[in-house]
Amino acid sequence: MKDLKLLALIGAVSLLLMAVIAWFAIQQRAQPLQPGYPARVVAETLHFTTKVPGRVLEVHAHEGQLMPAGSLLMTLDFPELEAKISQAEGAVGAAQAQYELALNGPSAFDTGRARASLEAAEAQYQLAKRSLDRISALYSDSLIAAQDFDEMQARYQAAAAQKQAAALLFEDLMAGTRQEKISMAQGDLQRTEATLHELRGLYEERFIRTADAVHIESVNLRRGELAPQGYTLISGYLPDQVYIRLSVPESELSHFQEGVSIHGKISANGAEGQFRVLSRRVLPGYAVRSAAFPNSSFEEQWFEIRMRPDTALLEQLPGNGAQVILYPEGEDA
């Protein structure tokens, strides 16, 4: 009997809790939503980095500052790169001299020295030839030993070989530099010049400039600090590339047709103006809300809306991430 009373009490308490939960759910659904659609300011962000590691020499930009197009943001120091440029300049000078030497051909001094060497070899050859003729006559009469004849004959052959080598060298000089040697020297010059051009291009990276007007958000390094390769030195956003983004369910998508201008107010300063709808896109599947969410239909798809503020309103935006309340037609601000 006591067990039945206990079960009845538990059942009554459970029913009461379910009724309370249902009442709260109904009240939550009945509560009106806050007027307007909250949105966020999103700007196109720029990250300034360096291709060459160095050290910060000077910082010319500060956080919150609007830098015009072409402004110098930071100056870096590359001492190791300066040494490499000096080496490359020396290599270019040597290669240029070698190319001009190959292009101009042998000098008068070189040709004169080759001619003198040829004449000296010719004199040695003639002397060896006459000596061999005399030794040959004596050897025929058996007046000298065979050993002496063989030594004289070897001297003659050596003198003939020296004469031929000197003649070939002289002919080569008089014919000028071969085209293959000129092309090889020209290739070495072009290679060294390309290396020097590459190093000088990298050296220009010490000046960090902005191509467009940019609003500086953060300066990550100070003077004297090391700037690693690829590290973000300065980041900012383009003031003329600022957009408004928000997410709405498909049941309310009709308020945000492309090309339509919608009234909005900036929460930070109360400035009001028009925001034009630029595009709409379906959010991924994880953004789909089911009936468990209040005021949402079952499996309702969500869309991201991208809007652009009027030009007069751009200067009123406090910055990236600021909140804007949008009021489509039919909703009061």
C-alpha atoms as a PDB file:
ATOM      1  CA  MET A   1       0.000   0.000   0.000  1.00  0.00           C
ATOM      2  CA  LYS A   2       2.861   2.372   0.889  1.00  0.00           C
ATOM      3  CA  ASP A   3       4.595   1.513  -2.382  1.00  0.00           C
ATOM      4  CA  LEU A   4       1.528   2.522  -4.371  1.00  0.00           C
ATOM      5  CA  LYS A   5       1.347   5.882  -2.566  1.00  0.00           C
ATOM      6  CA  LEU A   6       5.032   6.478  -3.215  1.00  0.00           C
ATOM      7  CA  LEU A   7       4.643   5.696  -6.914  1.00  0.00           C
ATOM      8  CA  ALA A   8       1.625   7.991  -7.127  1.00  0.00           C
ATOM      9  CA  LEU A   9       3.605  10.806  -5.472  1.00  0.00           C
ATOM     10  CA  ILE A  10       6.539  10.352  -7.847  1.00  0.00           C
ATOM     11  CA  GLY A  11       4.182  10.404 -10.824  1.00  0.00           C
ATOM     12  CA  ALA A  12       2.503  13.576  -9.620  1.00  0.00           C
ATOM     13  CA  VAL A  13       5.849  15.334  -9.125  1.00  0.00           C
ATOM     14  CA  SER A  14       6.984  14.253 -12.605  1.00  0.00           C
ATOM     15  CA  LEU A  15       3.831  15.596 -14.196  1.00  0.00           C
ATOM     16  CA  LEU A  16       4.267  18.872 -12.327  1.00  0.00           C
ATOM     17  CA  LEU A  17       7.880  19.235 -13.552  1.00  0.00           C
ATOM     18  CA  MET A  18       6.851  18.495 -17.130  1.00  0.00           C
ATOM     19  CA  ALA A  19       4.102  21.125 -16.905  1.00  0.00           C
ATOM     20  CA  VAL A  20       6.573  23.713 -15.578  1.00  0.00           C
ATOM     21  CA  ILE A  21       9.086  22.944 -18.355  1.00  0.00           C
ATOM     22  CA  ALA A  22       6.344  23.190 -20.999  1.00  0.00           C
ATOM     23  CA  TRP A  23       5.182  26.521 -19.572  1.00  0.00           C
ATOM     24  CA  PHE A  24       8.707  27.983 -19.689  1.00  0.00           C
ATOM     25  CA  ALA A  25       9.129  26.780 -23.285  1.00  0.00           C
ATOM     26  CA  ILE A  26       5.860  28.413 -24.309  1.00  0.00           C
ATOM     27  CA  GLN A  27       6.824  31.637 -22.581  1.00  0.00           C
ATOM     28  CA  GLN A  28      10.213  31.643 -24.292  1.00  0.00           C
ATOM     29  CA  ARG A  29       8.579  31.206 -27.679  1.00  0.00           C
ATOM     30  CA  ALA A  30       6.085  33.909 -26.882  1.00  0.00           C
ATOM     31  CA  GLN A  31       8.769  36.453 -25.984  1.00  0.00           C
ATOM     32  CA  PRO A  32       9.315  38.883 -28.863  1.00  0.00           C
ATOM     33  CA  LEU A  33      12.781  39.001 -30.395  1.00  0.00           C
ATOM     34  CA  GLN A  34      14.880  42.120 -30.089  1.00  0.00           C
ATOM     35  CA  PRO A  35      14.255  44.363 -33.105  1.00  0.00           C
ATOM     36  CA  GLY A  36      16.863  44.321 -35.819  1.00  0.00           C
ATOM     37  CA  TYR A  37      19.504  41.893 -36.999  1.00  0.00           C
ATOM     38  CA  PRO A  38      22.957  42.033 -35.368  1.00  0.00           C
ATOM     39  CA  ALA A  39      25.843  41.990 -37.842  1.00  0.00           C
ATOM     40  CA  ARG A  40      29.619  42.364 -37.679  1.00  0.00           C
ATOM     41  CA  VAL A  41      32.055  44.560 -39.562  1.00  0.00           C
ATOM     42  CA  VAL A  42      34.520  42.470 -41.579  1.00  0.00           C
ATOM     43  CA  ALA A  43      37.445  44.065 -43.418  1.00  0.00           C
ATOM     44  CA  GLU A  44      39.940  42.691 -45.919  1.00  0.00           C
ATOM     45  CA  THR A  45      43.038  42.084 -43.787  1.00  0.00           C
ATOM     46  CA  LEU A  46      46.628  42.535 -44.996  1.00  0.00           C
ATOM     47  CA  HIS A  47      49.694  40.885 -43.455  1.00  0.00           C
ATOM     48  CA  PHE A  48      53.095  42.417 -44.227  1.00  0.00           C
ATOM     49  CA  THR A  49      56.017  39.966 -44.044  1.00  0.00           C
ATOM     50  CA  THR A  50      59.625  39.746 -45.185  1.00  0.00           C
ATOM     51  CA  LYS A  51      61.210  37.231 -47.574  1.00  0.00           C
ATOM     52  CA  VAL A  52      64.642  37.733 -46.016  1.00  0.00           C
ATOM     53  CA  PRO A  53      65.390  37.438 -42.282  1.00  0.00           C
ATOM     54  CA  GLY A  54      66.812  40.612 -40.795  1.00  0.00           C
ATOM     55  CA  ARG A  55      66.593  43.048 -37.906  1.00  0.00           C
ATOM     56  CA  VAL A  56      64.131  45.919 -37.477  1.00  0.00           C
ATOM     57  CA  LEU A  57      65.941  49.190 -38.102  1.00  0.00           C
ATOM     58  CA  GLU A  58      63.015  51.607 -37.870  1.00  0.00           C
ATOM     59  CA  VAL A  59      59.217  51.427 -37.401  1.00  0.00           C
ATOM     60  CA  HIS A  60      57.292  54.116 -39.284  1.00  0.00           C
ATOM     61  CA  ALA A  61      53.690  52.992 -38.624  1.00  0.00           C
ATOM     62  CA  HIS A  62      51.729  52.815 -35.389  1.00  0.00           C
ATOM     63  CA  GLU A  63      48.604  50.940 -34.333  1.00  0.00           C
ATOM     64  CA  GLY A  64      45.395  52.742 -35.265  1.00  0.00           C
ATOM     65  CA  GLN A  65      47.148  54.908 -37.853  1.00  0.00           C
ATOM     66  CA  LEU A  66      45.790  55.297 -41.389  1.00  0.00           C
ATOM     67  CA  MET A  67      48.705  55.021 -43.822  1.00  0.00           C
ATOM     68  CA  PRO A  68      48.266  56.353 -47.383  1.00  0.00           C
ATOM     69  CA  ALA A  69      49.109  54.232 -50.401  1.00  0.00           C
ATOM     70  CA  GLY A  70      52.854  53.875 -50.961  1.00  0.00           C
ATOM     71  CA  SER A  71      53.734  54.696 -47.341  1.00  0.00           C
ATOM     72  CA  LEU A  72      56.850  53.250 -45.735  1.00  0.00           C
ATOM     73  CA  LEU A  73      55.770  51.052 -42.816  1.00  0.00           C
ATOM     74  CA  MET A  74      59.041  49.539 -41.601  1.00  0.00           C
ATOM     75  CA  THR A  75      62.746  49.494 -42.474  1.00  0.00           C
ATOM     76  CA  LEU A  76      64.829  46.342 -41.972  1.00  0.00           C
ATOM     77  CA  ASP A  77      68.583  45.736 -41.880  1.00  0.00           C
ATOM     78  CA  PHE A  78      70.209  42.897 -43.886  1.00  0.00           C
ATOM     79  CA  PRO A  79      73.976  42.954 -43.107  1.00  0.00           C
ATOM     80  CA  GLU A  80      74.565  39.409 -44.385  1.00  0.00           C
ATOM     81  CA  LEU A  81      72.842  40.237 -47.659  1.00  0.00           C
ATOM     82  CA  GLU A  82      75.030  43.309 -48.110  1.00  0.00           C
ATOM     83  CA  ALA A  83      78.125  41.090 -47.925  1.00  0.00           C
ATOM     84  CA  LYS A  84      76.670  38.734 -50.536  1.00  0.00           C
ATOM     85  CA  ILE A  85      75.976  41.679 -52.846  1.00  0.00           C
ATOM     86  CA  SER A  86      79.617  42.791 -52.585  1.00  0.00           C
ATOM     87  CA  GLN A  87      80.767  39.276 -53.493  1.00  0.00           C
ATOM     88  CA  ALA A  88      78.370  39.173 -56.442  1.00  0.00           C
ATOM     89  CA  GLU A  89      79.617  42.551 -57.705  1.00  0.00           C
ATOM     90  CA  GLY A  90      83.196  41.229 -57.658  1.00  0.00           C
ATOM     91  CA  ALA A  91      82.145  38.109 -59.564  1.00  0.00           C
ATOM     92  CA  VAL A  92      80.394  40.258 -62.187  1.00  0.00           C
ATOM     93  CA  GLY A  93      83.549  42.362 -62.657  1.00  0.00           C
ATOM     94  CA  ALA A  94      85.720  39.284 -63.162  1.00  0.00           C
ATOM     95  CA  ALA A  95      83.225  37.713 -65.577  1.00  0.00           C
ATOM     96  CA  GLN A  96      82.983  40.980 -67.535  1.00  0.00           C
ATOM     97  CA  ALA A  97      86.759  41.088 -67.930  1.00  0.00           C
ATOM     98  CA  GLN A  98      86.862  37.472 -69.117  1.00  0.00           C
ATOM     99  CA  TYR A  99      84.116  38.146 -71.655  1.00  0.00           C
ATOM    100  CA  GLU A 100      85.861  41.241 -73.037  1.00  0.00           C
ATOM    101  CA  LEU A 101      89.121  39.302 -73.234  1.00  0.00           C
ATOM    102  CA  ALA A 102      87.443  36.539 -75.220  1.00  0.00           C
ATOM    103  CA  LEU A 103      85.606  39.054 -77.417  1.00  0.00           C
ATOM    104  CA  ASN A 104      88.662  41.170 -78.265  1.00  0.00           C
ATOM    105  CA  GLY A 105      90.936  38.224 -78.920  1.00  0.00           C
ATOM    106  CA  PRO A 106      94.690  38.016 -78.202  1.00  0.00           C
ATOM    107  CA  SER A 107      96.631  41.198 -77.544  1.00  0.00           C
ATOM    108  CA  ALA A 108      99.700  42.370 -79.478  1.00  0.00           C
ATOM    109  CA  PHE A 109     101.847  41.174 -76.613  1.00  0.00           C
ATOM    110  CA  ASP A 110     100.416  37.650 -76.814  1.00  0.00           C
ATOM    111  CA  THR A 111     100.875  37.405 -80.576  1.00  0.00           C
ATOM    112  CA  GLY A 112     104.429  38.814 -80.345  1.00  0.00           C
ATOM    113  CA  ARG A 113     105.367  36.324 -77.660  1.00  0.00           C
ATOM    114  CA  ALA A 114     103.933  33.455 -79.721  1.00  0.00           C
ATOM    115  CA  ARG A 115     105.850  34.612 -82.799  1.00  0.00           C
ATOM    116  CA  ALA A 116     109.100  34.811 -80.801  1.00  0.00           C
ATOM    117  CA  SER A 117     108.505  31.319 -79.436  1.00  0.00           C
ATOM    118  CA  LEU A 118     107.942  30.014 -82.952  1.00  0.00           C
ATOM    119  CA  GLU A 119     111.147  31.640 -84.219  1.00  0.00           C
ATOM    120  CA  ALA A 120     113.116  30.213 -81.275  1.00  0.00           C
ATOM    121  CA  ALA A 121     111.721  26.745 -81.980  1.00  0.00           C
ATOM    122  CA  GLU A 122     112.594  27.129 -85.669  1.00  0.00           C
ATOM    123  CA  ALA A 123     116.202  28.019 -84.778  1.00  0.00           C
ATOM    124  CA  GLN A 124     116.495  25.032 -82.458  1.00  0.00           C
ATOM    125  CA  TYR A 125     115.071  22.807 -85.171  1.00  0.00           C
ATOM    126  CA  GLN A 126     117.513  24.042 -87.821  1.00  0.00           C
ATOM    127  CA  LEU A 127     120.462  23.594 -85.465  1.00  0.00           C
ATOM    128  CA  ALA A 128     119.358  20.061 -84.597  1.00  0.00           C
ATOM    129  CA  LYS A 129     118.854  19.258 -88.298  1.00  0.00           C
ATOM    130  CA  ARG A 130     122.353  20.411 -89.295  1.00  0.00           C
ATOM    131  CA  SER A 131     123.902  18.593 -86.356  1.00  0.00           C
ATOM    132  CA  LEU A 132     122.086  15.417 -87.307  1.00  0.00           C
ATOM    133  CA  ASP A 133     123.311  15.676 -90.922  1.00  0.00           C
ATOM    134  CA  ARG A 134     126.947  15.944 -89.774  1.00  0.00           C
ATOM    135  CA  ILE A 135     126.543  13.086 -87.265  1.00  0.00           C
ATOM    136  CA  SER A 136     124.937  10.934 -89.924  1.00  0.00           C
ATOM    137  CA  ALA A 137     128.002  11.297 -92.208  1.00  0.00           C
ATOM    138  CA  LEU A 138     130.372  10.408 -89.386  1.00  0.00           C
ATOM    139  CA  TYR A 139     128.196   7.505 -88.341  1.00  0.00           C
ATOM    140  CA  SER A 140     128.197   6.168 -91.920  1.00  0.00           C
ATOM    141  CA  ASP A 141     132.016   6.124 -91.816  1.00  0.00           C
ATOM    142  CA  SER A 142     131.913   4.398 -88.419  1.00  0.00           C
ATOM    143  CA  LEU A 143     133.743   7.320 -86.827  1.00  0.00           C
ATOM    144  CA  ILE A 144     131.275   7.713 -83.913  1.00  0.00           C
ATOM    145  CA  ALA A 145     129.464   5.296 -81.717  1.00  0.00           C
ATOM    146  CA  ALA A 146     125.830   4.348 -82.292  1.00  0.00           C
ATOM    147  CA  GLN A 147     124.918   5.828 -78.908  1.00  0.00           C
ATOM    148  CA  ASP A 148     126.001   9.305 -79.967  1.00  0.00           C
ATOM    149  CA  PHE A 149     124.008   9.011 -83.195  1.00  0.00           C
ATOM    150  CA  ASP A 150     120.843   7.944 -81.320  1.00  0.00           C
ATOM    151  CA  GLU A 151     121.125  10.879 -78.885  1.00  0.00           C
ATOM    152  CA  MET A 152     121.481  13.367 -81.730  1.00  0.00           C
ATOM    153  CA  GLN A 153     118.531  11.870 -83.549  1.00  0.00           C
ATOM    154  CA  ALA A 154     116.396  12.182 -80.373  1.00  0.00           C
ATOM    155  CA  ARG A 155     117.389  15.845 -80.043  1.00  0.00           C
ATOM    156  CA  TYR A 156     116.317  16.456 -83.627  1.00  0.00           C
ATOM    157  CA  GLN A 157     112.913  14.839 -83.091  1.00  0.00           C
ATOM    158  CA  ALA A 158     112.361  16.877 -79.908  1.00  0.00           C
ATOM    159  CA  ALA A 159     113.224  20.102 -81.711  1.00  0.00           C
ATOM    160  CA  ALA A 160     110.822  19.192 -84.534  1.00  0.00           C
ATOM    161  CA  ALA A 161     108.041  18.553 -82.035  1.00  0.00           C
ATOM    162  CA  GLN A 162     108.663  21.882 -80.268  1.00  0.00           C
ATOM    163  CA  LYS A 163     108.591  23.679 -83.583  1.00  0.00           C
ATOM    164  CA  GLN A 164     105.238  22.091 -84.474  1.00  0.00           C
ATOM    165  CA  ALA A 165     103.737  22.990 -81.079  1.00  0.00           C
ATOM    166  CA  ALA A 166     104.884  26.609 -81.363  1.00  0.00           C
ATOM    167  CA  ALA A 167     103.488  26.817 -84.903  1.00  0.00           C
ATOM    168  CA  LEU A 168     100.088  25.478 -83.800  1.00  0.00           C
ATOM    169  CA  LEU A 169      99.944  27.964 -80.887  1.00  0.00           C
ATOM    170  CA  PHE A 170     100.813  30.860 -83.175  1.00  0.00           C
ATOM    171  CA  GLU A 171      98.159  29.832 -85.727  1.00  0.00           C
ATOM    172  CA  ASP A 172      95.546  29.515 -82.986  1.00  0.00           C
ATOM    173  CA  LEU A 173      96.268  33.018 -81.701  1.00  0.00           C
ATOM    174  CA  MET A 174      96.206  34.530 -85.174  1.00  0.00           C
ATOM    175  CA  ALA A 175      92.848  32.855 -85.890  1.00  0.00           C
ATOM    176  CA  GLY A 176      91.271  34.697 -82.933  1.00  0.00           C
ATOM    177  CA  THR A 177      89.106  33.427 -80.051  1.00  0.00           C
ATOM    178  CA  ARG A 178      86.771  30.586 -80.904  1.00  0.00           C
ATOM    179  CA  GLN A 179      83.042  31.297 -80.752  1.00  0.00           C
ATOM    180  CA  GLU A 180      82.547  28.581 -78.146  1.00  0.00           C
ATOM    181  CA  LYS A 181      84.880  30.366 -75.725  1.00  0.00           C
ATOM    182  CA  ILE A 182      83.090  33.673 -76.325  1.00  0.00           C
ATOM    183  CA  SER A 183      79.700  32.037 -75.628  1.00  0.00           C
ATOM    184  CA  MET A 184      81.055  30.394 -72.486  1.00  0.00           C
ATOM    185  CA  ALA A 185      82.396  33.713 -71.189  1.00  0.00           C
ATOM    186  CA  GLN A 186      79.134  35.437 -72.057  1.00  0.00           C
ATOM    187  CA  GLY A 187      77.178  32.740 -70.188  1.00  0.00           C
ATOM    188  CA  ASP A 188      79.326  33.188 -67.072  1.00  0.00           C
ATOM    189  CA  LEU A 189      78.730  36.944 -67.226  1.00  0.00           C
ATOM    190  CA  GLN A 190      74.966  36.536 -67.543  1.00  0.00           C
ATOM    191  CA  ARG A 191      74.884  34.075 -64.648  1.00  0.00           C
ATOM    192  CA  THR A 192      76.773  36.392 -62.313  1.00  0.00           C
ATOM    193  CA  GLU A 193      74.656  39.392 -63.377  1.00  0.00           C
ATOM    194  CA  ALA A 194      71.452  37.427 -62.675  1.00  0.00           C
ATOM    195  CA  THR A 195      72.724  36.510 -59.208  1.00  0.00           C
ATOM    196  CA  LEU A 196      73.543  40.143 -58.491  1.00  0.00           C
ATOM    197  CA  HIS A 197      70.114  41.265 -59.752  1.00  0.00           C
ATOM    198  CA  GLU A 198      68.397  38.713 -57.513  1.00  0.00           C
ATOM    199  CA  LEU A 199      70.355  39.814 -54.454  1.00  0.00           C
ATOM    200  CA  ARG A 200      69.634  43.479 -55.113  1.00  0.00           C
ATOM    201  CA  GLY A 201      65.931  42.678 -55.467  1.00  0.00           C
ATOM    202  CA  LEU A 202      65.959  40.909 -52.116  1.00  0.00           C
ATOM    203  CA  TYR A 203      67.827  43.852 -50.610  1.00  0.00           C
ATOM    204  CA  GLU A 204      64.953  46.144 -51.608  1.00  0.00           C
ATOM    205  CA  GLU A 205      62.733  44.047 -49.320  1.00  0.00           C
ATOM    206  CA  ARG A 206      64.228  45.955 -46.402  1.00  0.00           C
ATOM    207  CA  PHE A 207      61.655  48.680 -47.153  1.00  0.00           C
ATOM    208  CA  ILE A 208      58.204  47.409 -46.140  1.00  0.00           C
ATOM    209  CA  ARG A 209      55.667  49.518 -48.054  1.00  0.00           C
ATOM    210  CA  THR A 210      51.935  49.356 -48.628  1.00  0.00           C
ATOM    211  CA  ALA A 211      50.530  49.445 -52.151  1.00  0.00           C
ATOM    212  CA  ASP A 212      47.102  50.647 -50.945  1.00  0.00           C
ATOM    213  CA  ALA A 213      45.857  52.819 -48.123  1.00  0.00           C
ATOM    214  CA  VAL A 214      45.751  50.656 -44.995  1.00  0.00           C
ATOM    215  CA  HIS A 215      44.498  51.072 -41.438  1.00  0.00           C
ATOM    216  CA  ILE A 216      47.136  49.616 -39.089  1.00  0.00           C
ATOM    217  CA  GLU A 217      45.749  47.122 -36.564  1.00  0.00           C
ATOM    218  CA  SER A 218      48.895  45.684 -35.007  1.00  0.00           C
ATOM    219  CA  VAL A 219      52.679  46.187 -35.106  1.00  0.00           C
ATOM    220  CA  ASN A 220      54.263  42.941 -33.965  1.00  0.00           C
ATOM    221  CA  LEU A 221      57.946  43.924 -33.783  1.00  0.00           C
ATOM    222  CA  ARG A 222      59.853  46.858 -32.354  1.00  0.00           C
ATOM    223  CA  ARG A 223      63.141  48.476 -33.249  1.00  0.00           C
ATOM    224  CA  GLY A 224      66.135  46.167 -32.779  1.00  0.00           C
ATOM    225  CA  GLU A 225      64.104  42.943 -32.757  1.00  0.00           C
ATOM    226  CA  LEU A 226      64.823  40.068 -35.141  1.00  0.00           C
ATOM    227  CA  ALA A 227      62.432  39.706 -38.087  1.00  0.00           C
ATOM    228  CA  PRO A 228      62.216  36.016 -39.133  1.00  0.00           C
ATOM    229  CA  GLN A 229      61.418  35.057 -42.693  1.00  0.00           C
ATOM    230  CA  GLY A 230      57.657  34.912 -43.326  1.00  0.00           C
ATOM    231  CA  TYR A 231      56.751  36.378 -39.919  1.00  0.00           C
ATOM    232  CA  THR A 232      53.931  38.934 -39.888  1.00  0.00           C
ATOM    233  CA  LEU A 233      55.557  42.271 -39.109  1.00  0.00           C
ATOM    234  CA  ILE A 234      52.509  44.506 -39.453  1.00  0.00           C
ATOM    235  CA  SER A 235      48.840  43.731 -40.058  1.00  0.00           C
ATOM    236  CA  GLY A 236      45.973  45.999 -41.016  1.00  0.00           C
ATOM    237  CA  TYR A 237      42.867  46.256 -43.137  1.00  0.00           C
ATOM    238  CA  LEU A 238      41.848  48.178 -46.232  1.00  0.00           C
ATOM    239  CA  PRO A 239      39.475  50.979 -45.196  1.00  0.00           C
ATOM    240  CA  ASP A 240      37.746  50.962 -48.579  1.00  0.00           C
ATOM    241  CA  GLN A 241      37.213  47.191 -48.473  1.00  0.00           C
ATOM    242  CA  VAL A 242      34.968  47.004 -45.400  1.00  0.00           C
ATOM    243  CA  TYR A 243      31.871  44.789 -45.406  1.00  0.00           C
ATOM    244  CA  ILE A 244      29.049  43.776 -43.091  1.00  0.00           C
ATOM    245  CA  ARG A 245      28.288  40.107 -42.533  1.00  0.00           C
ATOM    246  CA  LEU A 246      25.426  38.421 -40.744  1.00  0.00           C
ATOM    247  CA  SER A 247      23.627  35.056 -40.702  1.00  0.00           C
ATOM    248  CA  VAL A 248      19.849  34.700 -41.141  1.00  0.00           C
ATOM    249  CA  PRO A 249      17.540  31.673 -41.446  1.00  0.00           C
ATOM    250  CA  GLU A 250      15.908  30.953 -44.758  1.00  0.00           C
ATOM    251  CA  SER A 251      12.517  31.988 -43.400  1.00  0.00           C
ATOM    252  CA  GLU A 252      13.826  35.566 -43.130  1.00  0.00           C
ATOM    253  CA  LEU A 253      15.915  35.581 -46.287  1.00  0.00           C
ATOM    254  CA  SER A 254      13.305  37.603 -48.157  1.00  0.00           C
ATOM    255  CA  HIS A 255      14.346  40.721 -46.191  1.00  0.00           C
ATOM    256  CA  PHE A 256      17.836  40.571 -47.751  1.00  0.00           C
ATOM    257  CA  GLN A 257      17.477  40.545 -51.517  1.00  0.00           C
ATOM    258  CA  GLU A 258      20.622  41.266 -53.514  1.00  0.00           C
ATOM    259  CA  GLY A 259      20.942  44.936 -54.415  1.00  0.00           C
ATOM    260  CA  VAL A 260      18.497  46.095 -51.716  1.00  0.00           C
ATOM    261  CA  SER A 261      19.650  48.826 -49.303  1.00  0.00           C
ATOM    262  CA  ILE A 262      18.774  48.297 -45.633  1.00  0.00           C
ATOM    263  CA  HIS A 263      18.845  50.825 -42.844  1.00  0.00           C
ATOM    264  CA  GLY A 264      21.289  50.125 -40.009  1.00  0.00           C
ATOM    265  CA  LYS A 265      22.847  51.635 -36.920  1.00  0.00           C
ATOM    266  CA  ILE A 266      26.385  51.293 -35.569  1.00  0.00           C
ATOM    267  CA  SER A 267      26.208  50.181 -31.947  1.00  0.00           C
ATOM    268  CA  ALA A 268      29.449  51.887 -30.873  1.00  0.00           C
ATOM    269  CA  ASN A 269      28.584  55.462 -31.863  1.00  0.00           C
ATOM    270  CA  GLY A 270      24.937  55.389 -32.901  1.00  0.00           C
ATOM    271  CA  ALA A 271      25.676  56.471 -36.473  1.00  0.00           C
ATOM    272  CA  GLU A 272      22.982  55.416 -38.949  1.00  0.00           C
ATOM    273  CA  GLY A 273      23.029  54.816 -42.653  1.00  0.00           C
ATOM    274  CA  GLN A 274      22.254  52.460 -45.518  1.00  0.00           C
ATOM    275  CA  PHE A 275      23.856  49.063 -46.162  1.00  0.00           C
ATOM    276  CA  ARG A 276      23.481  47.461 -49.594  1.00  0.00           C
ATOM    277  CA  VAL A 277      23.223  43.674 -49.961  1.00  0.00           C
ATOM    278  CA  LEU A 278      26.056  42.388 -52.155  1.00  0.00           C
ATOM    279  CA  SER A 279      25.712  38.606 -51.987  1.00  0.00           C
ATOM    280  CA  ARG A 280      24.098  35.686 -50.190  1.00  0.00           C
ATOM    281  CA  ARG A 281      25.508  32.210 -49.715  1.00  0.00           C
ATOM    282  CA  VAL A 282      24.358  29.021 -48.037  1.00  0.00           C
ATOM    283  CA  LEU A 283      26.256  28.172 -44.871  1.00  0.00           C
ATOM    284  CA  PRO A 284      27.695  24.646 -44.492  1.00  0.00           C
ATOM    285  CA  GLY A 285      25.650  21.809 -43.060  1.00  0.00           C
ATOM    286  CA  TYR A 286      26.849  22.321 -39.500  1.00  0.00           C
ATOM    287  CA  ALA A 287      25.044  25.679 -39.478  1.00  0.00           C
ATOM    288  CA  VAL A 288      21.616  24.076 -40.005  1.00  0.00           C
ATOM    289  CA  ARG A 289      19.385  24.520 -36.959  1.00  0.00           C
ATOM    290  CA  SER A 290      16.702  22.035 -36.003  1.00  0.00           C
ATOM    291  CA  ALA A 291      13.393  22.518 -34.166  1.00  0.00           C
ATOM    292  CA  ALA A 292      15.240  22.274 -30.835  1.00  0.00           C
ATOM    293  CA  PHE A 293      16.221  25.935 -31.279  1.00  0.00           C
ATOM    294  CA  PRO A 294      13.551  28.498 -30.344  1.00  0.00           C
ATOM    295  CA  ASN A 295      11.871  30.343 -33.211  1.00  0.00           C
ATOM    296  CA  SER A 296      13.432  28.012 -35.800  1.00  0.00           C
ATOM    297  CA  SER A 297      11.671  25.584 -38.068  1.00  0.00           C
ATOM    298  CA  PHE A 298      12.773  21.993 -38.313  1.00  0.00           C
ATOM    299  CA  GLU A 299      15.983  21.628 -40.355  1.00  0.00           C
ATOM    300  CA  GLU A 300      16.012  25.308 -41.293  1.00  0.00           C
ATOM    301  CA  GLN A 301      18.879  26.326 -43.578  1.00  0.00           C
ATOM    302  CA  TRP A 302      20.971  29.382 -42.682  1.00  0.00           C
ATOM    303  CA  PHE A 303      22.492  31.908 -45.068  1.00  0.00           C
ATOM    304  CA  GLU A 304      25.391  34.354 -44.786  1.00  0.00           C
ATOM    305  CA  ILE A 305      24.638  37.865 -46.031  1.00  0.00           C
ATOM    306  CA  ARG A 306      27.407  40.164 -47.217  1.00  0.00           C
ATOM    307  CA  MET A 307      26.635  43.895 -47.289  1.00  0.00           C
ATOM    308  CA  ARG A 308      28.465  47.096 -48.149  1.00  0.00           C
ATOM    309  CA  PRO A 309      27.990  50.368 -46.202  1.00  0.00           C
ATOM    310  CA  ASP A 310      27.522  53.685 -47.954  1.00  0.00           C
ATOM    311  CA  THR A 311      30.685  55.652 -48.654  1.00  0.00           C
ATOM    312  CA  ALA A 312      29.630  58.371 -46.199  1.00  0.00           C
ATOM    313  CA  LEU A 313      29.279  55.737 -43.482  1.00  0.00           C
ATOM    314  CA  LEU A 314      32.728  54.170 -43.941  1.00  0.00           C
ATOM    315  CA  GLU A 315      34.447  56.801 -41.825  1.00  0.00           C
ATOM    316  CA  GLN A 316      31.945  56.222 -39.012  1.00  0.00           C
ATOM    317  CA  LEU A 317      32.787  52.545 -38.607  1.00  0.00           C
ATOM    318  CA  PRO A 318      34.890  52.078 -35.459  1.00  0.00           C
ATOM    319  CA  GLY A 319      36.906  49.194 -36.881  1.00  0.00           C
ATOM    320  CA  ASN A 320      37.080  45.535 -37.758  1.00  0.00           C
ATOM    321  CA  GLY A 321      34.673  43.414 -35.679  1.00  0.00           C
ATOM    322  CA  ALA A 322      32.337  46.256 -34.637  1.00  0.00           C
ATOM    323  CA  GLN A 323      28.616  45.517 -34.289  1.00  0.00           C
ATOM    324  CA  VAL A 324      25.932  46.920 -36.572  1.00  0.00           C
ATOM    325  CA  ILE A 325      22.167  46.482 -36.069  1.00  0.00           C
ATOM    326  CA  LEU A 326      20.216  46.187 -39.318  1.00  0.00           C
ATOM    327  CA  TYR A 327      16.523  47.074 -39.612  1.00  0.00           C
ATOM    328  CA  PRO A 328      14.879  45.709 -42.737  1.00  0.00           C
ATOM    329  CA  GLU A 329      11.691  47.283 -43.964  1.00  0.00           C
ATOM    330  CA  GLY A 330       8.934  46.821 -41.406  1.00  0.00           C
ATOM    331  CA  GLU A 331      11.175  46.855 -38.321  1.00  0.00           C
ATOM    332  CA  ASP A 332      11.731  49.926 -36.191  1.00  0.00           C
ATOM    333  CA  ALA A 333      15.135  51.037 -34.974  1.00  0.00           C
END
